[in-house]
C-alpha cells in the first residue's frame, strides 16, 4: 500500500467501526506493524485537532475511535433533542462501582456489600453489556463471578481500569 494511503484507510476503518479498534485489529487489516500504525494515528489526531475539524480520534477502551468534537455537543443535542437517553440509575452506578473496584465478584458478594437483592440490576447491566460473567468461583455451588467489559470502559470514557479514581481519594473527600 502506498505510504500516503495508510492514513486514509485508517481514517475509513475508524469511521465505519462502531467500537474502538485495537492496534492489533488495524494491523490485521493493513498488514503493517503497530508502531507505524500508532504513528499514523497520532498524525491523524494532530491533523483533526489543528484543523479544528468536527471529528476527533481518541484512544479509549484499549483501542482508537472516531468521535465528534466535544465542543459541538450543544449542536448535536439540538439535533437529537427528542432522543431518549438511557441513563443508569443510582443503584446501577453503585453496583458498577463495586464490580469495577473489586472484580471478580459473585452476585452474593455484590449484594452483601450493597445490602440489597441485585438480581434485577445485574440482569440489566448484563443486557447493557457493562458487566459480564468472568467464570465461576471455587466455592460450594460454583457461583458465577462478574467483571466489567470493554463497553464499560467506553461508557465511562476510560482507556483501562487503571484510570479509575483511587479509593483513597474518596476516603479523603469524606473526611
C-alpha atoms as a PDB file:
ATOM      1  CA  UNK A   1       0.000   0.000   0.000  1.00  0.00           C
ATOM      2  CA  UNK A   2       1.360   3.453  -0.873  1.00  0.00           C
ATOM      3  CA  UNK A   3       2.533   5.398   2.196  1.00  0.00           C
ATOM      4  CA  UNK A   4       0.155   8.298   1.537  1.00  0.00           C
ATOM      5  CA  UNK A   5      -2.901   5.985   1.568  1.00  0.00           C
ATOM      6  CA  UNK A   6      -2.282   4.490   5.022  1.00  0.00           C
ATOM      7  CA  UNK A   7      -3.864   7.366   6.956  1.00  0.00           C
ATOM      8  CA  UNK A   8      -6.813   7.427   4.562  1.00  0.00           C
ATOM      9  CA  UNK A   9      -7.502   3.735   5.137  1.00  0.00           C
ATOM     10  CA  UNK A  10      -7.097   4.053   8.929  1.00  0.00           C
ATOM     11  CA  UNK A  11      -9.484   7.007   8.897  1.00  0.00           C
ATOM     12  CA  UNK A  12     -12.074   4.988   6.958  1.00  0.00           C
ATOM     13  CA  UNK A  13     -11.714   1.998   9.303  1.00  0.00           C
ATOM     14  CA  UNK A  14     -12.315   4.202  12.343  1.00  0.00           C
ATOM     15  CA  UNK A  15     -15.248   5.957  10.686  1.00  0.00           C
ATOM     16  CA  UNK A  16     -17.174   2.753   9.964  1.00  0.00           C
ATOM     17  CA  UNK A  17     -16.336   0.969  13.212  1.00  0.00           C
ATOM     18  CA  UNK A  18     -18.998   1.086  15.920  1.00  0.00           C
ATOM     19  CA  UNK A  19     -16.455   0.187  18.603  1.00  0.00           C
ATOM     20  CA  UNK A  20     -12.883   1.257  19.327  1.00  0.00           C
ATOM     21  CA  UNK A  21     -10.411  -0.539  17.065  1.00  0.00           C
ATOM     22  CA  UNK A  22      -7.384  -2.093  18.742  1.00  0.00           C
ATOM     23  CA  UNK A  23      -3.991  -1.582  17.114  1.00  0.00           C
ATOM     24  CA  UNK A  24      -3.784  -5.348  16.605  1.00  0.00           C
ATOM     25  CA  UNK A  25      -7.054  -5.350  14.644  1.00  0.00           C
ATOM     26  CA  UNK A  26      -5.881  -2.481  12.415  1.00  0.00           C
ATOM     27  CA  UNK A  27      -2.605  -4.397  11.953  1.00  0.00           C
ATOM     28  CA  UNK A  28      -4.567  -7.468  10.783  1.00  0.00           C
ATOM     29  CA  UNK A  29      -6.445  -5.386   8.220  1.00  0.00           C
ATOM     30  CA  UNK A  30      -3.487  -3.371   6.924  1.00  0.00           C
ATOM     31  CA  UNK A  31      -0.681  -5.879   7.349  1.00  0.00           C
ATOM     32  CA  UNK A  32       1.559  -3.197   8.873  1.00  0.00           C
ATOM     33  CA  UNK A  33       3.443  -3.017  12.181  1.00  0.00           C
ATOM     34  CA  UNK A  34       1.728  -1.484  15.204  1.00  0.00           C
ATOM     35  CA  UNK A  35       4.459   1.146  15.696  1.00  0.00           C
ATOM     36  CA  UNK A  36       3.832   2.538  12.209  1.00  0.00           C
ATOM     37  CA  UNK A  37       0.068   2.395  12.699  1.00  0.00           C
ATOM     38  CA  UNK A  38       0.298   4.242  16.036  1.00  0.00           C
ATOM     39  CA  UNK A  39       2.441   6.927  14.362  1.00  0.00           C
ATOM     40  CA  UNK A  40      -0.179   7.409  11.634  1.00  0.00           C
ATOM     41  CA  UNK A  41      -2.950   7.534  14.251  1.00  0.00           C
ATOM     42  CA  UNK A  42      -1.068  10.219  16.184  1.00  0.00           C
ATOM     43  CA  UNK A  43      -0.607  12.204  12.959  1.00  0.00           C
ATOM     44  CA  UNK A  44      -4.343  11.930  12.247  1.00  0.00           C
ATOM     45  CA  UNK A  45      -5.179  13.005  15.805  1.00  0.00           C
ATOM     46  CA  UNK A  46      -2.991  16.101  15.422  1.00  0.00           C
ATOM     47  CA  UNK A  47      -4.455  16.927  11.998  1.00  0.00           C
ATOM     48  CA  UNK A  48      -8.025  16.785  13.288  1.00  0.00           C
ATOM     49  CA  UNK A  49      -7.115  18.917  16.303  1.00  0.00           C
ATOM     50  CA  UNK A  50      -5.143  21.622  14.479  1.00  0.00           C
ATOM     51  CA  UNK A  51      -7.561  21.864  11.549  1.00  0.00           C
ATOM     52  CA  UNK A  52     -10.430  22.470  14.007  1.00  0.00           C
ATOM     53  CA  UNK A  53     -12.498  19.707  12.401  1.00  0.00           C
ATOM     54  CA  UNK A  54     -15.788  18.342  13.689  1.00  0.00           C
ATOM     55  CA  UNK A  55     -14.292  14.942  14.419  1.00  0.00           C
ATOM     56  CA  UNK A  56     -11.561  13.704  16.736  1.00  0.00           C
ATOM     57  CA  UNK A  57      -9.714  10.417  17.134  1.00  0.00           C
ATOM     58  CA  UNK A  58      -9.320   9.283  20.724  1.00  0.00           C
ATOM     59  CA  UNK A  59      -7.672   6.343  22.443  1.00  0.00           C
ATOM     60  CA  UNK A  60     -10.275   4.579  24.551  1.00  0.00           C
ATOM     61  CA  UNK A  61     -11.038   1.093  25.924  1.00  0.00           C
ATOM     62  CA  UNK A  62      -7.878  -0.453  24.502  1.00  0.00           C
ATOM     63  CA  UNK A  63      -8.370   0.932  21.004  1.00  0.00           C
ATOM     64  CA  UNK A  64      -8.960   4.027  18.885  1.00  0.00           C
ATOM     65  CA  UNK A  65     -12.291   5.554  17.971  1.00  0.00           C
ATOM     66  CA  UNK A  66     -13.544   8.456  15.902  1.00  0.00           C
ATOM     67  CA  UNK A  67     -15.858  10.781  17.832  1.00  0.00           C
ATOM     68  CA  UNK A  68     -17.410  14.195  17.333  1.00  0.00           C
ATOM     69  CA  UNK A  69     -15.516  17.163  18.739  1.00  0.00           C
ATOM     70  CA  UNK A  70     -16.701  17.768  22.322  1.00  0.00           C
ATOM     71  CA  UNK A  71     -17.224  21.492  21.627  1.00  0.00           C
ATOM     72  CA  UNK A  72     -20.024  20.571  19.208  1.00  0.00           C
ATOM     73  CA  UNK A  73     -22.129  18.791  21.831  1.00  0.00           C
ATOM     74  CA  UNK A  74     -24.622  21.670  22.062  1.00  0.00           C
ATOM     75  CA  UNK A  75     -25.473  21.319  18.359  1.00  0.00           C
ATOM     76  CA  UNK A  76     -25.695  17.546  18.488  1.00  0.00           C
ATOM     77  CA  UNK A  77     -28.055  17.765  21.475  1.00  0.00           C
ATOM     78  CA  UNK A  78     -30.337  20.018  19.414  1.00  0.00           C
ATOM     79  CA  UNK A  79     -30.249  17.534  16.549  1.00  0.00           C
ATOM     80  CA  UNK A  80     -31.176  14.642  18.830  1.00  0.00           C
ATOM     81  CA  UNK A  81     -33.274  16.547  21.381  1.00  0.00           C
ATOM     82  CA  UNK A  82     -36.169  14.084  21.201  1.00  0.00           C
ATOM     83  CA  UNK A  83     -33.974  11.029  21.512  1.00  0.00           C
ATOM     84  CA  UNK A  84     -34.451   9.269  24.836  1.00  0.00           C
ATOM     85  CA  UNK A  85     -31.170   8.768  26.624  1.00  0.00           C
ATOM     86  CA  UNK A  86     -30.736   5.706  28.764  1.00  0.00           C
ATOM     87  CA  UNK A  87     -29.059   6.860  31.911  1.00  0.00           C
ATOM     88  CA  UNK A  88     -28.036   4.459  34.592  1.00  0.00           C
ATOM     89  CA  UNK A  89     -29.871   4.615  37.901  1.00  0.00           C
ATOM     90  CA  UNK A  90     -28.028   5.422  41.127  1.00  0.00           C
ATOM     91  CA  UNK A  91     -28.277   1.768  42.305  1.00  0.00           C
ATOM     92  CA  UNK A  92     -26.897   0.606  38.932  1.00  0.00           C
ATOM     93  CA  UNK A  93     -23.978   3.042  39.208  1.00  0.00           C
ATOM     94  CA  UNK A  94     -23.274   1.905  42.778  1.00  0.00           C
ATOM     95  CA  UNK A  95     -23.312  -1.730  41.679  1.00  0.00           C
ATOM     96  CA  UNK A  96     -20.998  -0.974  38.743  1.00  0.00           C
ATOM     97  CA  UNK A  97     -18.581   0.834  41.065  1.00  0.00           C
ATOM     98  CA  UNK A  98     -18.434  -2.177  43.383  1.00  0.00           C
ATOM     99  CA  UNK A  99     -17.774  -4.520  40.463  1.00  0.00           C
ATOM    100  CA  UNK A 100     -15.194  -2.204  38.862  1.00  0.00           C
ATOM    101  CA  UNK A 101     -13.141  -1.848  42.037  1.00  0.00           C
ATOM    102  CA  UNK A 102     -13.457  -5.362  43.478  1.00  0.00           C
ATOM    103  CA  UNK A 103     -13.904  -7.662  40.461  1.00  0.00           C
ATOM    104  CA  UNK A 104     -14.340 -10.544  40.062  1.00  0.00           C
ATOM    105  CA  UNK A 105     -17.297 -10.891  42.450  1.00  0.00           C
ATOM    106  CA  UNK A 106     -20.326 -13.150  42.814  1.00  0.00           C
ATOM    107  CA  UNK A 107     -23.866 -11.749  42.967  1.00  0.00           C
ATOM    108  CA  UNK A 108     -23.973 -12.707  46.636  1.00  0.00           C
ATOM    109  CA  UNK A 109     -20.777 -10.745  47.363  1.00  0.00           C
ATOM    110  CA  UNK A 110     -22.076  -7.700  45.491  1.00  0.00           C
ATOM    111  CA  UNK A 111     -25.464  -7.944  47.202  1.00  0.00           C
ATOM    112  CA  UNK A 112     -23.885  -8.235  50.650  1.00  0.00           C
ATOM    113  CA  UNK A 113     -21.853  -5.056  50.043  1.00  0.00           C
ATOM    114  CA  UNK A 114     -24.973  -3.189  48.860  1.00  0.00           C
ATOM    115  CA  UNK A 115     -27.180  -4.983  51.421  1.00  0.00           C
ATOM    116  CA  UNK A 116     -29.964  -5.477  48.846  1.00  0.00           C
ATOM    117  CA  UNK A 117     -31.067  -8.032  46.256  1.00  0.00           C
ATOM    118  CA  UNK A 118     -29.344  -7.179  42.971  1.00  0.00           C
ATOM    119  CA  UNK A 119     -30.738  -9.847  40.622  1.00  0.00           C
ATOM    120  CA  UNK A 120     -32.705  -7.354  38.501  1.00  0.00           C
ATOM    121  CA  UNK A 121     -29.858  -4.851  38.461  1.00  0.00           C
ATOM    122  CA  UNK A 122     -27.345  -7.464  37.383  1.00  0.00           C
ATOM    123  CA  UNK A 123     -29.618  -8.659  34.581  1.00  0.00           C
ATOM    124  CA  UNK A 124     -29.942  -5.063  33.363  1.00  0.00           C
ATOM    125  CA  UNK A 125     -26.170  -4.476  33.486  1.00  0.00           C
ATOM    126  CA  UNK A 126     -25.559  -7.755  31.641  1.00  0.00           C
ATOM    127  CA  UNK A 127     -28.088  -6.798  28.937  1.00  0.00           C
ATOM    128  CA  UNK A 128     -26.445  -3.388  28.514  1.00  0.00           C
ATOM    129  CA  UNK A 129     -23.089  -5.152  28.116  1.00  0.00           C
ATOM    130  CA  UNK A 130     -21.474  -3.259  31.002  1.00  0.00           C
ATOM    131  CA  UNK A 131     -20.707  -6.411  33.009  1.00  0.00           C
ATOM    132  CA  UNK A 132     -20.026  -9.989  32.005  1.00  0.00           C
ATOM    133  CA  UNK A 133     -19.675 -13.402  33.551  1.00  0.00           C
ATOM    134  CA  UNK A 134     -15.929 -13.958  34.022  1.00  0.00           C
ATOM    135  CA  UNK A 135     -16.042 -17.512  35.280  1.00  0.00           C
ATOM    136  CA  UNK A 136     -17.038 -19.439  38.380  1.00  0.00           C
ATOM    137  CA  UNK A 137     -15.851 -19.186  41.961  1.00  0.00           C
ATOM    138  CA  UNK A 138     -14.246 -22.227  43.539  1.00  0.00           C
ATOM    139  CA  UNK A 139     -16.859 -22.422  46.272  1.00  0.00           C
ATOM    140  CA  UNK A 140     -19.927 -24.554  47.002  1.00  0.00           C
ATOM    141  CA  UNK A 141     -22.406 -24.241  44.148  1.00  0.00           C
ATOM    142  CA  UNK A 142     -19.698 -22.787  41.863  1.00  0.00           C
ATOM    143  CA  UNK A 143     -21.438 -19.375  41.521  1.00  0.00           C
ATOM    144  CA  UNK A 144     -20.699 -17.109  38.568  1.00  0.00           C
ATOM    145  CA  UNK A 145     -18.249 -14.264  39.098  1.00  0.00           C
ATOM    146  CA  UNK A 146     -18.753 -10.938  37.346  1.00  0.00           C
ATOM    147  CA  UNK A 147     -16.470  -8.248  35.984  1.00  0.00           C
ATOM    148  CA  UNK A 148     -16.644  -5.178  33.779  1.00  0.00           C
ATOM    149  CA  UNK A 149     -16.424  -5.160  29.971  1.00  0.00           C
ATOM    150  CA  UNK A 150     -14.805  -3.057  27.257  1.00  0.00           C
ATOM    151  CA  UNK A 151     -18.221  -1.466  26.825  1.00  0.00           C
ATOM    152  CA  UNK A 152     -17.974  -0.337  30.482  1.00  0.00           C
ATOM    153  CA  UNK A 153     -14.688   1.400  29.638  1.00  0.00           C
ATOM    154  CA  UNK A 154     -16.282   3.045  26.594  1.00  0.00           C
ATOM    155  CA  UNK A 155     -19.347   4.166  28.549  1.00  0.00           C
ATOM    156  CA  UNK A 156     -17.201   5.916  31.149  1.00  0.00           C
ATOM    157  CA  UNK A 157     -14.530   7.144  28.702  1.00  0.00           C
ATOM    158  CA  UNK A 158     -11.685   5.118  30.204  1.00  0.00           C
ATOM    159  CA  UNK A 159      -8.681   3.564  28.469  1.00  0.00           C
ATOM    160  CA  UNK A 160      -8.352   0.954  31.203  1.00  0.00           C
ATOM    161  CA  UNK A 161      -9.439   0.221  34.773  1.00  0.00           C
ATOM    162  CA  UNK A 162      -6.198   1.824  35.985  1.00  0.00           C
ATOM    163  CA  UNK A 163      -7.776   5.194  35.116  1.00  0.00           C
ATOM    164  CA  UNK A 164     -10.468   4.732  37.774  1.00  0.00           C
ATOM    165  CA  UNK A 165     -10.051   7.198  40.656  1.00  0.00           C
ATOM    166  CA  UNK A 166      -8.195   5.642  43.572  1.00  0.00           C
ATOM    167  CA  UNK A 167     -10.351   4.567  46.521  1.00  0.00           C
ATOM    168  CA  UNK A 168      -8.108   6.637  48.834  1.00  0.00           C
ATOM    169  CA  UNK A 169      -9.278   9.803  47.033  1.00  0.00           C
ATOM    170  CA  UNK A 170     -12.867   9.031  48.058  1.00  0.00           C
ATOM    171  CA  UNK A 171     -11.942   8.364  51.667  1.00  0.00           C
ATOM    172  CA  UNK A 172     -10.023  11.669  51.868  1.00  0.00           C
ATOM    173  CA  UNK A 173     -13.011  13.545  50.420  1.00  0.00           C
ATOM    174  CA  UNK A 174     -15.321  12.026  53.031  1.00  0.00           C
ATOM    175  CA  UNK A 175     -13.158  13.031  55.998  1.00  0.00           C
END
